[in-house]
Amino acid sequence: MTEPAHNLALAAVGNEVETALYEVRKEIYPRAVHGWFASWRVVLVLLTQAIFYGTPWLTWNGRQAVLFDLAGRKFYILGYVFWPQDFIFLTTLLVISALSLFLFTAMAGRLFCGYACPQTVYTEIFMWIERRIEGDRMARMRLDQAPWGARKLALKGAKHGAWIALALWTGFTFVGYFTSIKTLGAEVAAMSLGPWETFWILFYGFATYGNAGFMREQVCKYMCPYARFQSAMFDSDTLIITYDAQRGEPRGARSRAADRKAAGLGDCVDCDICVQVCPTGIDIRRGLQYECIGCAACVDGCDQVMDKMGYPRGLIRYSTENAIKHPEGDILARVLRPRVLIYSAILFAIMAALLAMLVLRVPLRVDVIRDRATLVRETEDGLLENVYRLQIMNTEERAHRYRLSVSGLDGLQIVAKQPFEVSPATTATVPVALRADPARLAPGSHTIVFHIEDAERPGVAAREKSRFYVK
């Protein structure tokens, strides 16, 4: 190759790379599809949104059932009240979430992405609204290509109006998890929202509107980190959306009555339905791609075509690479491999530990703070006195009465009101003075233990060490 020709070839390659990196987004018009997996997506959309939108309106013990009160530093979840000291529960929950993601991905790929991810769920909802107002794929394409007029303006306005209303309601519900949603509703009705509530309602609403209405597959392809590291959790026995090339190739169009074997064709009729129904616009026949979110829309679309042609279903299906290469094996045995069993065992062990921690959780916490202004002082009757402040945290939603005792030194006298009561889900400061006869104690620092016990339930108790100083 001459030098000029070589330079032209390099320039052509450079242009191809530049086009691939900076290609303008092409609008995707997913076609509506019906089938078994589409029905499951509808069920998951309804279930997740019923939980999200309905949970803030549930009440428990006269208050919101699930409320993350950041100002009060208390999280209310059904009958439990969690405090900053309960960070271990959040940590355990995050570990369970991570392990669940590893397990589901190792078993069946991006199940979470395809059925329960908020981006997928809200994109499905927004596309449903779009179809109801503008029509299915071809109608939307014709509308976008048509010049602006009264009809186009009315349809686009109605669609975006519905999107904005849903997005704002989503933002309102999100903030309702952190501010009592009934209080929040009253503030909205009275036009007296605070600046932070206003900001987060608009911010979360704008994010929902932008991500589900405009960015859609771009979030899954370019913004979501899961698409990038999922390959580390896949192997040849992971269930994925797979095109059976051995059965489908060579592809080609034909009539329903044509003999495909005589024509030397596979089962794929090259109708591109699998591409038209894909929300990320990929062609699954090219093999596994990181853009695939595992929604199985292509499976439902292909099965409909196979039914019309009178061919067996499953040209595109959930399968594994090994099962495609060796169809005689047991696919369930391939999926339930040691890796999956180990993930499952660890996950269930941690879940059992979390359940045990919740069941055995003592609704009482104590912190002892010494009076640092005066370590020790002498009373009028010659006794030595140390002063403490007990921070008593009652984590339950009913008042409790507690009794105090001290061990570690003989002859200690407790000067404090007993029993003392702590209001529901609050922290009370209880001043306590301890007195002792100096003649019976050696000078220096002595370890003592405070014992706080529920007056009605002796099993609910807490211990906290401190020091008693003798001069």
Protein backbone atom coordinates (compact mmCIF):
# COMPACT_ATOMS: atom_id res chain seq x y z
CA MET A 1 0.00 0.00 0.00
CA THR A 2 1.38 3.42 -0.94
CA GLU A 3 1.88 6.07 1.71
CA PRO A 4 -1.06 8.27 0.56
CA ALA A 5 -3.37 5.24 0.50
CA HIS A 6 -2.11 4.22 3.95
CA ASN A 7 -2.84 7.72 5.30
CA LEU A 8 -6.35 7.62 3.79
CA ALA A 9 -6.98 4.26 5.47
CA LEU A 10 -5.84 5.61 8.85
CA ALA A 11 -8.05 8.66 8.41
CA ALA A 12 -11.01 6.43 7.62
CA VAL A 13 -10.40 4.39 10.77
CA GLY A 14 -10.11 7.59 12.77
CA ASN A 15 -13.43 8.83 11.42
CA GLU A 16 -15.11 5.52 12.33
CA VAL A 17 -13.83 5.77 15.91
CA GLU A 18 -14.94 9.38 16.18
CA THR A 19 -18.40 8.47 14.90
CA ALA A 20 -18.67 5.61 17.41
CA LEU A 21 -17.63 7.80 20.34
CA TYR A 22 -19.63 10.89 19.49
CA GLU A 23 -22.61 9.48 17.62
CA VAL A 24 -25.76 11.54 18.07
CA ARG A 25 -28.47 9.60 19.88
CA LYS A 26 -31.00 8.03 17.58
CA GLU A 27 -34.56 8.12 18.87
CA ILE A 28 -35.81 4.66 19.85
CA TYR A 29 -39.49 3.87 19.35
CA PRO A 30 -40.11 0.60 21.23
CA ARG A 31 -43.03 -1.38 19.92
CA ALA A 32 -45.68 -2.64 22.34
CA VAL A 33 -45.41 -6.34 23.03
CA HIS A 34 -47.58 -8.87 24.84
CA GLY A 35 -46.60 -12.15 26.38
CA TRP A 36 -45.62 -13.98 29.52
CA PHE A 37 -42.61 -11.79 30.37
CA ALA A 38 -44.49 -8.59 29.48
CA SER A 39 -47.19 -9.61 31.95
CA TRP A 40 -44.59 -10.13 34.64
CA ARG A 41 -43.16 -6.66 33.97
CA VAL A 42 -46.63 -5.19 34.41
CA VAL A 43 -47.07 -7.07 37.69
CA LEU A 44 -43.68 -5.84 38.97
CA VAL A 45 -44.44 -2.26 37.93
CA LEU A 46 -47.77 -2.33 39.76
CA LEU A 47 -46.26 -4.00 42.83
CA THR A 48 -43.25 -1.70 43.18
CA GLN A 49 -45.31 1.44 42.64
CA ALA A 50 -48.02 0.31 45.04
CA ILE A 51 -45.31 -0.09 47.67
CA PHE A 52 -43.59 3.21 46.85
CA TYR A 53 -46.69 5.40 46.58
CA GLY A 54 -48.76 3.61 49.23
CA THR A 55 -46.28 3.05 52.07
CA PRO A 56 -46.07 6.70 53.25
CA TRP A 57 -49.83 6.76 53.79
CA LEU A 58 -49.83 3.78 56.16
CA THR A 59 -50.08 4.49 59.87
CA TRP A 60 -48.63 2.60 62.82
CA ASN A 61 -49.18 3.46 66.49
CA GLY A 62 -50.70 6.77 65.46
CA ARG A 63 -47.79 7.91 63.28
CA GLN A 64 -46.51 7.28 59.77
CA ALA A 65 -45.51 3.63 59.40
CA VAL A 66 -42.28 4.39 57.51
CA LEU A 67 -40.68 7.75 58.22
CA PHE A 68 -37.03 8.73 58.08
CA ASP A 69 -36.97 11.68 60.46
CA LEU A 70 -33.54 13.14 59.75
CA ALA A 71 -34.14 16.24 61.89
CA GLY A 72 -35.06 14.09 64.89
CA ARG A 73 -32.38 11.50 64.01
CA LYS A 74 -34.92 8.68 64.18
CA PHE A 75 -36.05 6.18 61.54
CA TYR A 76 -39.52 4.71 62.04
CA ILE A 77 -40.11 1.42 60.24
CA LEU A 78 -43.37 -0.26 61.25
CA GLY A 79 -43.01 -1.12 64.94
CA TYR A 80 -39.28 -0.33 65.15
CA VAL A 81 -37.51 2.93 65.89
CA PHE A 82 -33.90 3.08 64.72
CA TRP A 83 -31.35 5.61 65.95
CA PRO A 84 -27.90 6.63 64.67
CA GLN A 85 -26.45 4.03 67.07
CA ASP A 86 -28.26 1.34 65.05
CA PHE A 87 -26.02 1.88 62.02
CA ILE A 88 -25.15 -1.83 62.09
CA PHE A 89 -28.65 -2.62 60.77
CA LEU A 90 -28.17 -0.33 57.77
CA THR A 91 -24.77 -1.86 57.11
CA THR A 92 -26.20 -5.36 57.23
CA LEU A 93 -29.05 -4.35 54.90
CA LEU A 94 -26.56 -2.96 52.37
CA VAL A 95 -24.52 -6.16 52.53
CA ILE A 96 -27.69 -8.21 51.92
CA SER A 97 -28.57 -5.99 48.94
CA ALA A 98 -25.10 -6.41 47.43
CA LEU A 99 -25.10 -10.19 47.90
CA SER A 100 -28.62 -10.42 46.44
CA LEU A 101 -27.40 -8.55 43.38
CA PHE A 102 -24.45 -10.95 43.04
CA LEU A 103 -26.73 -13.97 43.46
CA PHE A 104 -29.42 -12.87 40.99
CA THR A 105 -26.82 -11.79 38.44
CA ALA A 106 -24.92 -15.06 38.70
CA MET A 107 -28.18 -16.97 38.27
CA ALA A 108 -30.09 -15.01 35.64
CA GLY A 109 -28.19 -11.91 34.61
CA ARG A 110 -29.79 -8.49 34.87
CA LEU A 111 -33.11 -9.55 36.38
CA PHE A 112 -33.20 -6.48 38.62
CA CYS A 113 -32.57 -4.17 35.66
CA GLY A 114 -35.27 -5.73 33.53
CA TYR A 115 -38.07 -5.91 36.09
CA ALA A 116 -37.52 -3.84 39.25
CA CYS A 117 -34.93 -1.10 38.61
CA PRO A 118 -36.56 2.34 39.11
CA GLN A 119 -35.17 3.49 35.76
CA THR A 120 -36.81 0.55 33.99
CA VAL A 121 -40.06 0.83 35.94
CA TYR A 122 -40.55 4.55 35.32
CA THR A 123 -39.51 4.23 31.69
CA GLU A 124 -42.22 1.56 31.30
CA ILE A 125 -44.79 3.86 32.91
CA PHE A 126 -43.79 6.86 30.80
CA MET A 127 -43.83 4.76 27.61
CA TRP A 128 -47.31 3.45 28.52
CA ILE A 129 -48.53 7.05 28.85
CA GLU A 130 -46.83 7.87 25.55
CA ARG A 131 -48.56 4.99 23.77
CA ARG A 132 -51.96 5.88 25.23
CA ILE A 133 -51.70 9.46 23.97
CA GLU A 134 -49.60 9.27 20.79
CA GLY A 135 -50.16 5.67 19.70
CA ASP A 136 -47.82 2.74 19.09
CA ARG A 137 -44.48 2.72 17.30
CA MET A 138 -45.44 3.73 13.76
CA ALA A 139 -47.92 6.35 14.96
CA ARG A 140 -45.25 7.98 17.14
CA MET A 141 -42.73 7.93 14.31
CA ARG A 142 -45.20 9.59 11.93
CA LEU A 143 -46.13 12.17 14.57
CA ASP A 144 -42.48 13.13 15.19
CA GLN A 145 -41.83 13.46 11.45
CA ALA A 146 -44.96 15.54 10.85
CA PRO A 147 -44.77 19.36 10.86
CA TRP A 148 -45.96 21.20 13.96
CA GLY A 149 -49.67 21.83 14.00
CA ALA A 150 -52.61 21.95 16.38
CA ARG A 151 -52.92 18.14 16.62
CA LYS A 152 -49.21 17.55 17.21
CA LEU A 153 -49.04 20.37 19.75
CA ALA A 154 -52.09 19.00 21.60
CA LEU A 155 -50.74 15.43 21.72
CA LYS A 156 -47.25 16.49 22.78
CA GLY A 157 -48.66 18.88 25.37
CA ALA A 158 -50.94 16.21 26.83
CA LYS A 159 -48.09 13.71 27.01
CA HIS A 160 -45.67 16.07 28.71
CA GLY A 161 -48.40 17.36 31.01
CA ALA A 162 -49.09 13.78 32.18
CA TRP A 163 -45.35 13.13 32.54
CA ILE A 164 -44.81 16.27 34.62
CA ALA A 165 -47.80 15.51 36.86
CA LEU A 166 -46.54 11.98 37.52
CA ALA A 167 -42.97 13.22 38.08
CA LEU A 168 -44.10 15.85 40.61
CA TRP A 169 -46.26 13.29 42.42
CA THR A 170 -43.23 11.00 42.53
CA GLY A 171 -41.11 13.81 44.01
CA PHE A 172 -43.83 14.60 46.54
CA THR A 173 -44.00 10.93 47.59
CA PHE A 174 -40.22 10.71 47.88
CA VAL A 175 -40.08 13.71 50.22
CA GLY A 176 -43.02 12.17 52.12
CA TYR A 177 -40.65 9.50 53.41
CA PHE A 178 -38.61 12.19 55.21
CA THR A 179 -41.34 14.65 56.18
CA SER A 180 -44.71 13.35 57.36
CA ILE A 181 -46.64 13.07 54.10
CA LYS A 182 -49.89 14.33 55.63
CA THR A 183 -48.09 17.40 56.96
CA LEU A 184 -46.41 17.78 53.59
CA GLY A 185 -49.77 17.57 51.81
CA ALA A 186 -51.23 20.25 54.06
CA GLU A 187 -48.25 22.51 53.37
CA VAL A 188 -48.63 22.01 49.61
CA ALA A 189 -52.34 22.82 49.83
CA ALA A 190 -51.61 25.94 51.88
CA MET A 191 -48.69 26.94 49.58
CA SER A 192 -46.40 27.06 52.63
CA LEU A 193 -43.72 24.52 51.70
CA GLY A 194 -40.28 25.05 53.18
CA PRO A 195 -37.29 25.66 50.89
CA TRP A 196 -35.78 22.20 51.34
CA GLU A 197 -39.04 20.34 50.72
CA THR A 198 -39.65 22.47 47.63
CA PHE A 199 -36.14 21.84 46.32
CA TRP A 200 -36.27 18.05 46.74
CA ILE A 201 -39.77 17.69 45.28
CA LEU A 202 -38.71 19.63 42.20
CA PHE A 203 -35.29 17.96 41.99
CA TYR A 204 -36.62 14.41 42.27
CA GLY A 205 -39.51 15.23 39.94
CA PHE A 206 -37.12 16.72 37.37
CA ALA A 207 -34.85 13.66 37.62
CA THR A 208 -37.81 11.33 37.05
CA TYR A 209 -39.09 13.41 34.14
CA GLY A 210 -35.67 13.64 32.49
CA ASN A 211 -34.50 10.06 33.04
CA ALA A 212 -37.74 8.26 32.16
CA GLY A 213 -39.03 10.70 29.56
CA PHE A 214 -35.92 11.65 27.61
CA MET A 215 -32.72 9.82 28.58
CA ARG A 216 -34.26 6.36 28.98
CA GLU A 217 -31.83 3.79 27.55
CA GLN A 218 -28.95 6.29 27.82
CA VAL A 219 -29.05 5.91 31.61
CA CYS A 220 -28.75 2.13 31.30
CA LYS A 221 -26.06 2.25 28.64
CA TYR A 222 -23.82 5.08 29.83
CA MET A 223 -24.69 6.23 33.36
CA CYS A 224 -25.42 3.00 35.24
CA PRO A 225 -22.19 1.39 36.53
CA TYR A 226 -23.85 -2.01 36.74
CA ALA A 227 -23.78 -2.32 32.96
CA ARG A 228 -20.00 -2.04 33.11
CA PHE A 229 -19.10 -4.53 35.81
CA GLN A 230 -21.85 -7.11 35.22
CA SER A 231 -19.48 -9.20 33.11
CA ALA A 232 -17.45 -9.93 36.23
CA MET A 233 -20.48 -11.77 37.66
CA PHE A 234 -21.47 -13.62 34.46
CA ASP A 235 -20.14 -17.00 33.37
CA SER A 236 -21.08 -19.63 30.80
CA ASP A 237 -23.82 -21.02 33.07
CA THR A 238 -25.62 -17.72 33.74
CA LEU A 239 -29.16 -17.53 32.39
CA ILE A 240 -29.25 -14.75 29.80
CA ILE A 241 -31.43 -13.67 26.90
CA THR A 242 -29.99 -15.78 24.09
CA TYR A 243 -30.60 -16.10 20.37
CA ASP A 244 -30.24 -19.71 19.20
CA ALA A 245 -28.09 -19.15 16.12
CA GLN A 246 -27.86 -22.90 15.41
CA ARG A 247 -31.61 -22.99 14.95
CA GLY A 248 -32.17 -19.53 13.49
CA GLU A 249 -29.42 -19.21 10.88
CA PRO A 250 -29.31 -18.64 8.02
CA ARG A 251 -32.12 -16.15 8.49
CA GLY A 252 -34.35 -14.86 5.74
CA ALA A 253 -37.88 -13.74 4.85
CA ARG A 254 -40.36 -16.31 3.60
CA SER A 255 -44.08 -16.97 3.45
CA ARG A 256 -45.85 -18.98 6.11
CA ALA A 257 -46.41 -21.87 3.68
CA ALA A 258 -42.78 -22.00 2.48
CA ASP A 259 -40.61 -25.02 3.30
CA ARG A 260 -37.71 -23.43 5.19
CA LYS A 261 -35.60 -26.59 5.06
CA ALA A 262 -35.93 -26.85 1.29
CA ALA A 263 -34.96 -23.18 1.00
CA GLY A 264 -31.96 -23.75 3.25
CA LEU A 265 -33.22 -21.27 5.89
CA GLY A 266 -33.32 -21.34 9.64
CA ASP A 267 -36.27 -20.38 11.82
CA CYS A 268 -35.43 -16.64 11.95
CA VAL A 269 -37.59 -14.80 9.40
CA ASP A 270 -35.51 -11.61 9.77
CA CYS A 271 -38.57 -9.58 10.74
CA ASP A 272 -36.61 -7.38 13.20
CA ILE A 273 -39.45 -7.57 15.74
CA CYS A 274 -36.86 -8.36 18.42
CA VAL A 275 -35.12 -5.06 17.62
CA GLN A 276 -38.35 -3.06 17.40
CA VAL A 277 -39.56 -4.10 20.88
CA CYS A 278 -36.16 -3.63 22.59
CA PRO A 279 -36.15 -0.58 24.92
CA THR A 280 -32.41 -0.11 24.37
CA GLY A 281 -32.56 -0.64 20.60
CA ILE A 282 -30.09 -3.53 20.33
CA ASP A 283 -30.19 -6.59 18.10
CA ILE A 284 -30.02 -9.62 20.40
CA ARG A 285 -29.05 -11.79 17.41
CA ARG A 286 -25.56 -10.29 17.60
CA GLY A 287 -24.99 -12.06 20.92
CA LEU A 288 -24.76 -10.89 24.52
CA GLN A 289 -24.30 -7.11 24.79
CA TYR A 290 -23.82 -4.95 27.85
CA GLU A 291 -26.77 -2.77 26.76
CA CYS A 292 -29.19 -5.69 27.23
CA ILE A 293 -31.18 -5.16 30.44
CA GLY A 294 -32.72 -8.64 30.43
CA CYS A 295 -36.33 -7.46 30.10
CA ALA A 296 -37.17 -10.35 27.70
CA ALA A 297 -39.32 -8.15 25.46
CA CYS A 298 -37.53 -9.73 22.50
CA VAL A 299 -38.51 -13.18 23.78
CA ASP A 300 -42.21 -12.27 23.79
CA GLY A 301 -41.94 -10.58 20.38
CA CYS A 302 -40.13 -13.51 18.78
CA ASP A 303 -42.54 -16.04 20.30
CA GLN A 304 -45.47 -14.18 18.71
CA VAL A 305 -43.79 -14.43 15.31
CA MET A 306 -43.00 -18.12 15.82
CA ASP A 307 -46.67 -18.74 16.68
CA LYS A 308 -47.79 -17.02 13.47
CA MET A 309 -45.30 -19.02 11.39
CA GLY A 310 -46.17 -22.30 13.09
CA TYR A 311 -42.62 -22.78 14.39
CA PRO A 312 -41.67 -23.88 17.92
CA ARG A 313 -41.20 -21.10 20.45
CA GLY A 314 -37.83 -20.36 22.03
CA LEU A 315 -35.73 -19.10 19.13
CA ILE A 316 -34.90 -16.28 21.57
CA ARG A 317 -35.12 -17.47 25.14
CA TYR A 318 -33.56 -17.50 28.58
CA SER A 319 -30.70 -19.95 28.38
CA THR A 320 -26.98 -20.29 29.10
CA GLU A 321 -24.02 -20.36 26.76
CA ASN A 322 -23.25 -23.95 27.75
CA ALA A 323 -26.88 -25.02 27.30
CA ILE A 324 -26.93 -23.58 23.78
CA LYS A 325 -23.73 -25.44 22.89
CA HIS A 326 -24.79 -28.67 24.64
CA PRO A 327 -28.61 -28.77 24.68
CA GLU A 328 -28.69 -32.32 25.97
CA GLY A 329 -27.65 -31.25 29.48
CA ASP A 330 -29.91 -30.26 32.40
CA ILE A 331 -30.13 -26.46 32.41
CA LEU A 332 -31.30 -26.34 36.05
CA ALA A 333 -28.22 -28.25 37.15
CA ARG A 334 -26.06 -25.76 35.24
CA VAL A 335 -27.70 -22.78 36.96
CA LEU A 336 -27.58 -24.27 40.48
CA ARG A 337 -23.81 -24.54 40.48
CA PRO A 338 -21.48 -24.22 43.51
CA ARG A 339 -21.06 -20.47 43.01
CA VAL A 340 -24.80 -19.89 43.28
CA LEU A 341 -25.16 -22.23 46.27
CA ILE A 342 -22.35 -20.45 48.13
CA TYR A 343 -23.90 -17.04 47.45
CA SER A 344 -27.27 -18.37 48.66
CA ALA A 345 -25.83 -19.86 51.84
CA ILE A 346 -24.00 -16.64 52.76
CA LEU A 347 -27.05 -14.53 51.96
CA PHE A 348 -29.44 -16.60 54.06
CA ALA A 349 -26.94 -16.70 56.94
CA ILE A 350 -26.69 -12.90 56.99
CA MET A 351 -30.47 -12.55 56.69
CA ALA A 352 -30.90 -14.92 59.63
CA ALA A 353 -28.37 -12.91 61.63
CA LEU A 354 -30.25 -9.69 60.86
CA LEU A 355 -33.54 -11.25 61.93
CA ALA A 356 -31.95 -12.50 65.15
CA MET A 357 -30.55 -9.03 65.89
CA LEU A 358 -33.99 -7.50 65.43
CA VAL A 359 -35.71 -10.07 67.62
CA LEU A 360 -33.08 -9.90 70.38
CA ARG A 361 -32.66 -6.12 70.18
CA VAL A 362 -32.82 -4.55 73.65
CA PRO A 363 -34.97 -1.38 73.56
CA LEU A 364 -32.69 0.38 76.02
CA ARG A 365 -29.37 2.16 75.61
CA VAL A 366 -27.30 3.86 78.29
CA ASP A 367 -24.39 6.26 78.18
CA VAL A 368 -22.65 7.45 81.36
CA ILE A 369 -21.06 10.91 81.36
CA ARG A 370 -18.99 12.02 84.32
CA ASP A 371 -19.09 15.56 85.65
CA ARG A 372 -15.65 16.69 84.48
CA ALA A 373 -15.82 20.03 86.28
CA THR A 374 -15.36 18.31 89.65
CA LEU A 375 -13.99 14.77 89.72
CA VAL A 376 -14.71 14.28 93.42
CA ARG A 377 -16.04 16.43 96.22
CA GLU A 378 -16.66 16.04 99.93
CA THR A 379 -20.18 16.32 101.36
CA GLU A 380 -21.13 17.93 104.67
CA ASP A 381 -21.23 14.55 106.42
CA GLY A 382 -17.70 13.65 105.27
CA LEU A 383 -18.57 11.34 102.39
CA LEU A 384 -16.90 11.50 98.96
CA GLU A 385 -19.24 12.20 96.08
CA ASN A 386 -18.90 11.64 92.33
CA VAL A 387 -21.53 13.12 89.98
CA TYR A 388 -22.69 11.54 86.71
CA ARG A 389 -25.22 12.13 83.98
CA LEU A 390 -26.94 9.07 82.58
CA GLN A 391 -28.24 9.35 79.03
CA ILE A 392 -31.11 6.84 78.95
CA MET A 393 -32.44 6.04 75.48
CA ASN A 394 -35.86 4.39 75.31
CA THR A 395 -36.11 3.03 71.75
CA GLU A 396 -39.68 1.77 72.06
CA GLU A 397 -42.85 3.74 71.41
CA ARG A 398 -44.19 3.50 74.93
CA ALA A 399 -42.99 4.97 78.19
CA HIS A 400 -40.82 2.84 80.47
CA ARG A 401 -39.85 3.08 84.14
CA TYR A 402 -36.33 2.08 85.07
CA ARG A 403 -34.41 1.25 88.27
CA LEU A 404 -30.73 1.95 88.86
CA SER A 405 -28.12 0.00 90.79
CA VAL A 406 -24.32 0.15 90.93
CA SER A 407 -21.76 -2.59 91.50
CA GLY A 408 -17.99 -2.67 91.81
CA LEU A 409 -17.53 -0.94 95.17
CA ASP A 410 -19.03 -1.83 98.54
CA GLY A 411 -21.03 0.75 100.41
CA LEU A 412 -21.88 3.04 97.51
CA GLN A 413 -24.91 5.21 98.12
CA ILE A 414 -27.05 6.23 95.13
CA VAL A 415 -28.54 9.70 95.22
CA ALA A 416 -31.14 9.78 92.42
CA LYS A 417 -34.86 9.64 91.90
CA GLN A 418 -35.98 6.02 91.59
CA PRO A 419 -37.65 4.65 89.62
CA PHE A 420 -37.46 7.19 86.80
CA GLU A 421 -39.57 7.29 83.68
CA VAL A 422 -38.45 7.87 80.08
CA SER A 423 -41.00 8.94 77.47
CA PRO A 424 -41.56 6.90 74.29
CA ALA A 425 -38.77 6.98 71.70
CA THR A 426 -36.80 9.67 73.48
CA THR A 427 -33.55 10.17 75.35
CA ALA A 428 -33.66 11.40 78.94
CA THR A 429 -30.82 12.79 81.05
CA VAL A 430 -30.84 11.48 84.62
CA PRO A 431 -28.48 13.13 87.16
CA VAL A 432 -26.94 10.63 89.57
CA ALA A 433 -24.61 11.15 92.52
CA LEU A 434 -22.65 8.31 94.14
CA ARG A 435 -21.33 8.66 97.69
CA ALA A 436 -18.91 6.51 99.64
CA ASP A 437 -17.09 6.54 103.01
CA PRO A 438 -13.40 7.44 102.31
CA ALA A 439 -12.31 5.41 105.31
CA ARG A 440 -13.38 2.21 103.58
CA LEU A 441 -11.75 2.95 100.19
CA ALA A 442 -8.20 3.25 98.97
CA PRO A 443 -7.28 6.48 97.14
CA GLY A 444 -7.35 6.38 93.35
CA SER A 445 -9.69 5.35 90.57
CA HIS A 446 -12.08 2.42 90.97
CA THR A 447 -14.09 0.66 88.24
CA ILE A 448 -17.83 0.62 88.80
CA VAL A 449 -20.74 -0.68 86.72
CA PHE A 450 -24.12 1.00 86.36
CA HIS A 451 -27.07 -1.39 85.98
CA ILE A 452 -30.31 -0.01 84.53
CA GLU A 453 -33.30 -2.36 84.47
CA ASP A 454 -36.88 -2.01 83.31
CA ALA A 455 -39.13 -1.91 86.37
CA GLU A 456 -41.88 -3.90 84.59
CA ARG A 457 -39.71 -6.21 82.46
CA PRO A 458 -36.63 -7.40 84.34
CA GLY A 459 -35.20 -8.96 81.18
CA VAL A 460 -34.76 -5.54 79.59
CA ALA A 461 -31.55 -4.18 81.08
CA ALA A 462 -28.31 -2.45 80.20
CA ARG A 463 -24.87 -2.13 81.78
CA GLU A 464 -22.29 0.61 81.44
CA LYS A 465 -18.86 0.94 83.05
CA SER A 466 -17.45 4.10 84.61
CA ARG A 467 -14.95 5.23 87.25
CA PHE A 468 -15.31 6.36 90.86
CA TYR A 469 -12.53 8.59 92.14
CA VAL A 470 -11.30 8.66 95.75
CA LYS A 471 -8.85 11.34 96.89
